[in-house]
Protein backbone atom coordinates (compact mmCIF):
# COMPACT_ATOMS: atom_id res chain seq x y z
CA MET A 1 -41.21 -22.17 146.87
CA ALA A 2 -42.15 -19.42 149.29
CA VAL A 3 -45.61 -17.92 149.04
CA VAL A 4 -45.63 -14.13 149.02
CA VAL A 5 -48.69 -12.55 150.58
CA PHE A 6 -49.33 -8.83 150.32
CA SER A 7 -51.35 -6.99 152.94
CA LYS A 8 -51.26 -3.44 154.23
CA ILE A 9 -51.88 -4.72 157.75
CA GLY A 10 -49.84 -7.37 159.50
CA ILE A 11 -50.85 -8.63 162.93
CA ILE A 12 -48.05 -10.21 164.90
CA GLY A 13 -49.28 -13.15 166.93
CA GLY A 14 -52.15 -15.60 166.62
CA GLY A 15 -53.27 -15.45 170.23
CA ILE A 16 -56.68 -14.24 171.29
CA SER A 17 -55.66 -10.58 170.92
CA GLY A 18 -54.26 -11.13 167.43
CA LEU A 19 -57.42 -12.94 166.37
CA ALA A 20 -59.59 -10.18 167.84
CA ALA A 21 -57.54 -7.57 165.98
CA ALA A 22 -57.93 -9.54 162.74
CA LYS A 23 -61.68 -9.67 163.26
CA GLN A 24 -61.92 -5.91 163.82
CA LEU A 25 -59.72 -5.16 160.79
CA ALA A 26 -61.23 -7.81 158.50
CA GLU A 27 -62.37 -5.25 155.90
CA TYR A 28 -58.67 -4.41 155.29
CA ASN A 29 -57.65 -8.04 154.73
CA PRO A 30 -54.99 -8.25 157.45
CA ILE A 31 -52.57 -11.13 157.67
CA VAL A 32 -51.90 -12.80 161.01
CA LEU A 33 -48.26 -13.80 161.41
CA GLU A 34 -47.86 -16.61 163.93
CA ALA A 35 -44.44 -18.00 164.89
CA THR A 36 -45.78 -21.47 165.70
CA ASP A 37 -47.85 -23.94 163.75
CA SER A 38 -51.10 -23.13 165.54
CA ILE A 39 -53.14 -20.33 167.06
CA GLY A 40 -53.44 -19.90 170.78
CA GLY A 41 -50.68 -17.57 171.92
CA VAL A 42 -49.54 -17.98 175.51
CA TRP A 43 -52.45 -20.33 176.19
CA LYS A 44 -50.90 -22.80 173.78
CA HIS A 45 -47.31 -22.62 174.94
CA CYS A 46 -47.23 -21.25 178.49
CA SER A 47 -50.23 -22.72 180.28
CA PHE A 48 -50.80 -25.91 182.19
CA ARG A 49 -53.49 -28.18 180.82
CA THR A 50 -55.37 -27.77 184.12
CA THR A 51 -55.54 -23.97 183.75
CA LYS A 52 -58.96 -22.34 183.57
CA LEU A 53 -59.90 -18.83 182.58
CA GLN A 54 -60.70 -16.53 185.50
CA THR A 55 -63.37 -14.79 183.46
CA PRO A 56 -66.87 -16.10 182.72
CA ARG A 57 -67.13 -17.48 179.22
CA CYS A 58 -69.62 -14.82 178.10
CA TYR A 59 -66.87 -12.17 178.52
CA TYR A 60 -64.29 -14.16 176.56
CA GLU A 61 -65.99 -14.71 173.24
CA PHE A 62 -66.16 -13.21 169.77
CA SER A 63 -69.22 -11.02 169.17
CA ASP A 64 -70.02 -12.86 165.94
CA TYR A 65 -69.47 -16.30 167.45
CA PRO A 66 -70.67 -16.84 171.03
CA TRP A 67 -69.70 -19.85 173.10
CA PRO A 68 -71.88 -22.90 172.87
CA LEU A 69 -73.73 -23.05 176.19
CA ARG A 70 -72.94 -19.37 176.66
CA ASP A 71 -74.91 -19.14 179.90
CA ASN A 72 -72.93 -21.92 181.52
CA SER A 73 -71.47 -20.23 184.60
CA THR A 74 -68.30 -22.31 184.70
CA PHE A 75 -65.00 -20.84 183.60
CA PRO A 76 -63.63 -22.18 180.28
CA SER A 77 -60.89 -24.78 180.54
CA TYR A 78 -57.57 -24.92 178.71
CA THR A 79 -59.05 -27.34 176.18
CA GLU A 80 -62.13 -25.21 175.57
CA ILE A 81 -60.03 -22.09 175.08
CA LEU A 82 -57.49 -23.63 172.73
CA VAL A 83 -59.21 -26.42 170.90
CA SER A 84 -62.82 -25.45 170.89
CA HIS A 85 -63.58 -21.80 170.70
CA PRO A 86 -60.78 -20.02 168.75
CA ASN A 87 -60.43 -22.84 166.22
CA ARG A 88 -64.17 -23.09 165.64
CA TRP A 89 -64.30 -19.31 165.28
CA ARG A 90 -61.41 -19.33 162.79
CA ASN A 91 -63.20 -22.01 160.75
CA HIS A 92 -66.44 -20.00 161.00
CA ARG A 93 -64.67 -16.87 159.69
CA GLY A 94 -63.17 -18.85 156.81
CA ALA A 95 -61.44 -16.80 154.16
CA ALA A 96 -61.98 -13.59 156.12
CA LEU A 97 -58.97 -14.53 158.24
CA SER A 98 -55.71 -14.85 156.35
CA GLU A 99 -53.08 -16.54 158.43
CA THR A 100 -49.48 -17.53 157.96
CA ASP A 101 -48.26 -20.13 160.42
CA CYS A 102 -44.59 -20.58 161.32
CA SER A 103 -43.83 -16.97 160.39
CA GLU A 104 -41.53 -15.59 163.03
CA VAL A 105 -41.19 -11.82 162.76
CA SER A 106 -37.61 -10.63 163.25
CA THR A 107 -37.82 -7.05 161.92
CA THR A 108 -40.43 -4.62 160.72
CA THR A 109 -40.13 -1.75 158.28
CA ILE A 110 -42.52 1.11 157.66
CA ILE A 111 -42.98 1.73 153.98
CA THR A 112 -44.53 5.07 153.16
CA ASN A 113 -46.21 6.00 149.94
CA SER A 114 -45.16 9.46 148.73
CA VAL A 115 -47.96 9.63 146.13
CA LYS A 116 -50.54 12.22 147.17
């Protein structure tokens, strides 16, 4: 049986930008719609395992959940980006982040409310 989830805000994609948008809009209970079975966006599906971020870790973190060893000057690796930080942050946020995995978006419709 399909689970129906109602939210006024839908965020398409569970990559770092989608997760950041969900964090900023948390008070509105957004739902993150991710086409695959895990978060990570292009890092998960389009990066080599030897890829590293070209940005210091302190610039690629969530304000409410800094990197462990934040002052480490090395650039985060593929594993740190995918496995460590976003997943730990998602677990840290808990129920504040609603997420629907394997939810490919094929169309969108704007529904307006005519009640004033």
